[in-house]
C-alpha atoms as a PDB file:
ATOM      1  CA  MET A   1     -77.470 -62.590  -6.223  1.00  0.00           C
ATOM      2  CA  ILE A   2     -79.107 -62.120  -2.830  1.00  0.00           C
ATOM      3  CA  PRO A   3     -81.404 -59.141  -2.218  1.00  0.00           C
ATOM      4  CA  LYS A   4     -80.156 -56.758   0.511  1.00  0.00           C
ATOM      5  CA  ASN A   5     -82.790 -57.574   3.081  1.00  0.00           C
ATOM      6  CA  GLU A   6     -82.630 -61.354   2.646  1.00  0.00           C
ATOM      7  CA  SER A   7     -80.169 -63.574   4.398  1.00  0.00           C
ATOM      8  CA  PRO A   8     -78.120 -66.069   2.354  1.00  0.00           C
ATOM      9  CA  ARG A   9     -79.319 -68.790   4.727  1.00  0.00           C
ATOM     10  CA  PRO A  10     -82.709 -68.852   6.373  1.00  0.00           C
ATOM     11  CA  GLY A  11     -82.668 -68.152  10.061  1.00  0.00           C
ATOM     12  CA  ILE A  12     -79.449 -66.084  10.117  1.00  0.00           C
ATOM     13  CA  ALA A  13     -81.192 -62.709  10.004  1.00  0.00           C
ATOM     14  CA  ASP A  14     -83.510 -63.916  12.707  1.00  0.00           C
ATOM     15  CA  ALA A  15     -80.547 -64.808  14.953  1.00  0.00           C
ATOM     16  CA  GLY A  16     -79.529 -61.149  15.297  1.00  0.00           C
ATOM     17  CA  TYR A  17     -76.854 -61.017  12.581  1.00  0.00           C
ATOM     18  CA  SER A  18     -76.760 -57.890  10.447  1.00  0.00           C
ATOM     19  CA  ARG A  19     -75.806 -57.735   6.805  1.00  0.00           C
ATOM     20  CA  PHE A  20     -72.764 -55.681   5.836  1.00  0.00           C
ATOM     21  CA  GLU A  21     -70.808 -54.981   2.684  1.00  0.00           C
ATOM     22  CA  LEU A  22     -67.027 -55.249   2.524  1.00  0.00           C
ATOM     23  CA  ARG A  23     -65.249 -52.717   0.312  1.00  0.00           C
ATOM     24  CA  ALA A  24     -61.512 -52.387  -0.270  1.00  0.00           C
ATOM     25  CA  ALA A  25     -60.018 -49.062   0.675  1.00  0.00           C
ATOM     26  CA  TYR A  26     -57.095 -47.505  -1.203  1.00  0.00           C
ATOM     27  CA  VAL A  27     -53.945 -47.257   0.851  1.00  0.00           C
ATOM     28  CA  SER A  28     -50.681 -46.086  -0.679  1.00  0.00           C
ATOM     29  CA  LEU A  29     -47.602 -48.106   0.156  1.00  0.00           C
ATOM     30  CA  PHE A  30     -45.820 -44.998   1.326  1.00  0.00           C
ATOM     31  CA  SER A  31     -48.498 -44.060   3.846  1.00  0.00           C
ATOM     32  CA  MET A  32     -48.399 -47.608   5.175  1.00  0.00           C
ATOM     33  CA  SER A  33     -44.638 -47.450   5.607  1.00  0.00           C
ATOM     34  CA  CYS A  34     -44.698 -44.264   7.654  1.00  0.00           C
ATOM     35  CA  GLY A  35     -47.207 -45.616  10.147  1.00  0.00           C
ATOM     36  CA  PRO A  36     -50.364 -44.069  11.479  1.00  0.00           C
ATOM     37  CA  ARG A  37     -50.734 -40.349  10.856  1.00  0.00           C
ATOM     38  CA  ARG A  38     -50.452 -38.206  13.957  1.00  0.00           C
ATOM     39  CA  ASP A  39     -50.923 -34.459  13.540  1.00  0.00           C
ATOM     40  CA  GLY A  40     -49.245 -34.253  10.139  1.00  0.00           C
ATOM     41  CA  GLU A  41     -46.189 -36.228  11.302  1.00  0.00           C
ATOM     42  CA  CYS A  42     -46.290 -38.469   8.243  1.00  0.00           C
ATOM     43  CA  LEU A  43     -46.708 -35.503   5.908  1.00  0.00           C
ATOM     44  CA  ALA A  44     -43.483 -33.994   7.274  1.00  0.00           C
ATOM     45  CA  GLN A  45     -41.653 -37.215   6.381  1.00  0.00           C
ATOM     46  CA  ILE A  46     -43.021 -37.087   2.855  1.00  0.00           C
ATOM     47  CA  LYS A  47     -41.884 -33.518   2.278  1.00  0.00           C
ATOM     48  CA  ASP A  48     -38.310 -34.416   3.227  1.00  0.00           C
ATOM     49  CA  ILE A  49     -37.961 -36.825   0.305  1.00  0.00           C
ATOM     50  CA  GLU A  50     -36.515 -35.226  -2.817  1.00  0.00           C
ATOM     51  CA  GLU A  51     -37.877 -35.768  -6.333  1.00  0.00           C
ATOM     52  CA  MET A  52     -41.286 -36.958  -5.147  1.00  0.00           C
ATOM     53  CA  THR A  53     -44.681 -35.568  -5.970  1.00  0.00           C
ATOM     54  CA  HIS A  54     -47.143 -35.911  -3.134  1.00  0.00           C
ATOM     55  CA  VAL A  55     -50.812 -35.134  -2.731  1.00  0.00           C
ATOM     56  CA  SER A  56     -52.390 -35.074   0.690  1.00  0.00           C
ATOM     57  CA  ASN A  57     -56.071 -35.489   1.379  1.00  0.00           C
ATOM     58  CA  GLU A  58     -57.589 -36.074   4.834  1.00  0.00           C
ATOM     59  CA  LYS A  59     -60.138 -38.600   3.549  1.00  0.00           C
ATOM     60  CA  ALA A  60     -58.026 -40.434   0.962  1.00  0.00           C
ATOM     61  CA  GLY A  61     -54.681 -40.459   2.747  1.00  0.00           C
ATOM     62  CA  THR A  62     -51.424 -39.714   0.961  1.00  0.00           C
ATOM     63  CA  ILE A  63     -50.670 -40.539  -2.645  1.00  0.00           C
ATOM     64  CA  THR A  64     -47.010 -40.473  -3.685  1.00  0.00           C
ATOM     65  CA  THR A  65     -45.509 -40.833  -7.151  1.00  0.00           C
ATOM     66  CA  ALA A  66     -41.925 -40.511  -8.360  1.00  0.00           C
ATOM     67  CA  GLU A  67     -40.914 -37.772 -10.797  1.00  0.00           C
ATOM     68  CA  PRO A  68     -39.856 -39.047 -14.233  1.00  0.00           C
ATOM     69  CA  THR A  69     -36.126 -38.972 -14.874  1.00  0.00           C
ATOM     70  CA  VAL A  70     -34.683 -37.793 -18.157  1.00  0.00           C
ATOM     71  CA  GLU A  71     -31.499 -39.461 -19.318  1.00  0.00           C
ATOM     72  CA  LYS A  72     -29.213 -37.609 -21.679  1.00  0.00           C
ATOM     73  CA  GLU A  73     -26.909 -39.304 -24.150  1.00  0.00           C
ATOM     74  CA  THR A  74     -23.334 -38.832 -23.020  1.00  0.00           C
ATOM     75  CA  ARG A  75     -21.590 -39.931 -26.217  1.00  0.00           C
ATOM     76  CA  SER A  76     -19.893 -37.183 -28.156  1.00  0.00           C
ATOM     77  CA  GLU A  77     -19.867 -36.926 -31.929  1.00  0.00           C
ATOM     78  CA  GLU A  78     -16.194 -37.966 -31.911  1.00  0.00           C
ATOM     79  CA  ASP A  79     -16.996 -41.211 -30.083  1.00  0.00           C
ATOM     80  CA  LEU A  80     -19.683 -42.060 -32.600  1.00  0.00           C
ATOM     81  CA  ASP A  81     -17.551 -41.283 -35.657  1.00  0.00           C
ATOM     82  CA  LEU A  82     -14.354 -43.059 -34.617  1.00  0.00           C
ATOM     83  CA  PRO A  83     -13.892 -46.464 -36.191  1.00  0.00           C
ATOM     84  CA  TRP A  84     -15.090 -49.246 -33.917  1.00  0.00           C
ATOM     85  CA  GLN A  85     -14.066 -52.865 -34.300  1.00  0.00           C
ATOM     86  CA  VAL A  86     -16.178 -55.968 -33.877  1.00  0.00           C
ATOM     87  CA  VAL A  87     -13.885 -58.591 -32.338  1.00  0.00           C
ATOM     88  CA  VAL A  88     -14.737 -62.266 -31.856  1.00  0.00           C
ATOM     89  CA  HIS A  89     -12.801 -64.220 -29.227  1.00  0.00           C
ATOM     90  CA  ASN A  90     -12.046 -67.931 -29.114  1.00  0.00           C
ATOM     91  CA  ASP A  91     -14.196 -70.238 -27.025  1.00  0.00           C
ATOM     92  CA  PRO A  92     -13.870 -73.984 -26.502  1.00  0.00           C
ATOM     93  CA  VAL A  93     -17.593 -74.647 -26.944  1.00  0.00           C
ATOM     94  CA  ASN A  94     -18.650 -73.870 -30.516  1.00  0.00           C
ATOM     95  CA  LEU A  95     -17.747 -76.011 -33.510  1.00  0.00           C
ATOM     96  CA  MET A  96     -15.681 -74.473 -36.305  1.00  0.00           C
ATOM     97  CA  SER A  97     -18.449 -75.096 -38.837  1.00  0.00           C
ATOM     98  CA  TYR A  98     -20.977 -73.352 -36.566  1.00  0.00           C
ATOM     99  CA  VAL A  99     -18.741 -70.274 -36.161  1.00  0.00           C
ATOM    100  CA  THR A 100     -18.223 -70.125 -39.943  1.00  0.00           C
ATOM    101  CA  MET A 101     -21.978 -70.314 -40.527  1.00  0.00           C
ATOM    102  CA  ALA A 102     -22.604 -67.525 -37.959  1.00  0.00           C
ATOM    103  CA  PHE A 103     -20.078 -65.230 -39.708  1.00  0.00           C
ATOM    104  CA  GLN A 104     -21.765 -65.896 -43.045  1.00  0.00           C
ATOM    105  CA  ARG A 105     -25.224 -65.114 -41.706  1.00  0.00           C
ATOM    106  CA  VAL A 106     -24.339 -62.020 -39.660  1.00  0.00           C
ATOM    107  CA  PHE A 107     -21.915 -60.324 -42.057  1.00  0.00           C
ATOM    108  CA  GLY A 108     -22.897 -61.922 -45.357  1.00  0.00           C
ATOM    109  CA  TYR A 109     -19.323 -63.133 -45.907  1.00  0.00           C
ATOM    110  CA  PRO A 110     -18.610 -65.795 -48.511  1.00  0.00           C
ATOM    111  CA  ARG A 111     -17.626 -69.164 -47.084  1.00  0.00           C
ATOM    112  CA  GLU A 112     -13.864 -68.699 -47.735  1.00  0.00           C
ATOM    113  CA  LYS A 113     -13.704 -65.344 -45.909  1.00  0.00           C
ATOM    114  CA  ALA A 114     -15.794 -66.672 -42.998  1.00  0.00           C
ATOM    115  CA  GLU A 115     -13.476 -69.713 -42.698  1.00  0.00           C
ATOM    116  CA  ARG A 116     -10.396 -67.470 -42.764  1.00  0.00           C
ATOM    117  CA  HIS A 117     -11.771 -65.426 -39.821  1.00  0.00           C
ATOM    118  CA  MET A 118     -12.800 -68.596 -37.988  1.00  0.00           C
ATOM    119  CA  LEU A 119      -9.250 -70.003 -38.314  1.00  0.00           C
ATOM    120  CA  GLU A 120      -7.791 -66.689 -37.133  1.00  0.00           C
ATOM    121  CA  VAL A 121      -9.996 -66.889 -34.038  1.00  0.00           C
ATOM    122  CA  HIS A 122      -8.984 -70.528 -33.516  1.00  0.00           C
ATOM    123  CA  HIS A 123      -5.220 -69.959 -33.859  1.00  0.00           C
ATOM    124  CA  ASN A 124      -4.776 -66.386 -32.526  1.00  0.00           C
ATOM    125  CA  GLY A 125      -7.594 -66.282 -29.993  1.00  0.00           C
ATOM    126  CA  ARG A 126      -9.384 -63.366 -31.681  1.00  0.00           C
ATOM    127  CA  SER A 127     -10.261 -61.862 -35.029  1.00  0.00           C
ATOM    128  CA  ILE A 128     -11.417 -58.405 -36.099  1.00  0.00           C
ATOM    129  CA  LEU A 129     -14.454 -59.104 -38.240  1.00  0.00           C
ATOM    130  CA  TRP A 130     -15.678 -55.604 -39.023  1.00  0.00           C
ATOM    131  CA  SER A 131     -14.686 -51.968 -38.519  1.00  0.00           C
ATOM    132  CA  GLY A 132     -16.866 -48.873 -38.868  1.00  0.00           C
ATOM    133  CA  MET A 133     -19.423 -46.644 -37.151  1.00  0.00           C
ATOM    134  CA  ARG A 134     -20.482 -47.493 -33.607  1.00  0.00           C
ATOM    135  CA  GLU A 135     -24.206 -48.188 -34.073  1.00  0.00           C
ATOM    136  CA  PRO A 136     -23.857 -50.873 -36.778  1.00  0.00           C
ATOM    137  CA  ALA A 137     -20.944 -52.342 -34.799  1.00  0.00           C
ATOM    138  CA  GLU A 138     -23.186 -52.617 -31.706  1.00  0.00           C
ATOM    139  CA  LEU A 139     -25.807 -54.389 -33.818  1.00  0.00           C
ATOM    140  CA  TYR A 140     -23.226 -56.877 -35.145  1.00  0.00           C
ATOM    141  CA  VAL A 141     -22.005 -57.646 -31.617  1.00  0.00           C
ATOM    142  CA  GLN A 142     -25.580 -58.188 -30.477  1.00  0.00           C
ATOM    143  CA  GLN A 143     -26.274 -60.528 -33.403  1.00  0.00           C
ATOM    144  CA  LEU A 144     -23.108 -62.528 -32.671  1.00  0.00           C
ATOM    145  CA  HIS A 145     -24.222 -62.846 -29.047  1.00  0.00           C
ATOM    146  CA  GLY A 146     -27.466 -64.286 -30.425  1.00  0.00           C
ATOM    147  CA  TYR A 147     -25.351 -67.108 -31.880  1.00  0.00           C
ATOM    148  CA  LEU A 148     -23.716 -67.513 -28.426  1.00  0.00           C
ATOM    149  CA  LEU A 149     -20.332 -66.290 -29.660  1.00  0.00           C
ATOM    150  CA  LEU A 150     -18.034 -64.206 -27.485  1.00  0.00           C
ATOM    151  CA  ALA A 151     -17.891 -60.855 -29.299  1.00  0.00           C
ATOM    152  CA  THR A 152     -16.776 -57.432 -28.105  1.00  0.00           C
ATOM    153  CA  LEU A 153     -16.791 -53.887 -29.403  1.00  0.00           C
ATOM    154  CA  GLU A 154     -13.439 -52.055 -29.303  1.00  0.00           C
ATOM    155  CA  LYS A 155     -12.515 -48.494 -30.163  1.00  0.00           C
ATOM    156  CA  THR A 156      -9.586 -48.138 -32.564  1.00  0.00           C
ATOM    157  CA  GLY A 157      -6.720 -45.847 -31.727  1.00  0.00           C
END
């Protein structure tokens, strides 16, 4: 570390150079995007934007943050209670033994039942593997996607 009055190289201070310190100033992205401030012109642009909180300070510039948004669940109780079906569709990529193993691991089916569903998918193009409440059905579909199987969730009725 170099003391304030000393030059990093001898002879520089003697040559008329002065020592200065460089500090980063805070600039908000929004104040940069609205250009230089002229008589509150930028502040007027900020106030026109909806759902924004803004703080103005002559020395610090303008600080802008977005209001948090609250999302509400739009599903009704009926939609959650109706039986939902987990359907697996045929694909030309996965081996029959692999599909059977995935059904056994995800649903806990015995080998015979898993093979029966696998053959139904192979011959008919799809098979309904499970039916019930929506949340467990969504989990099953997600787990089947983890095995790279084409699975969908369908509402009965």
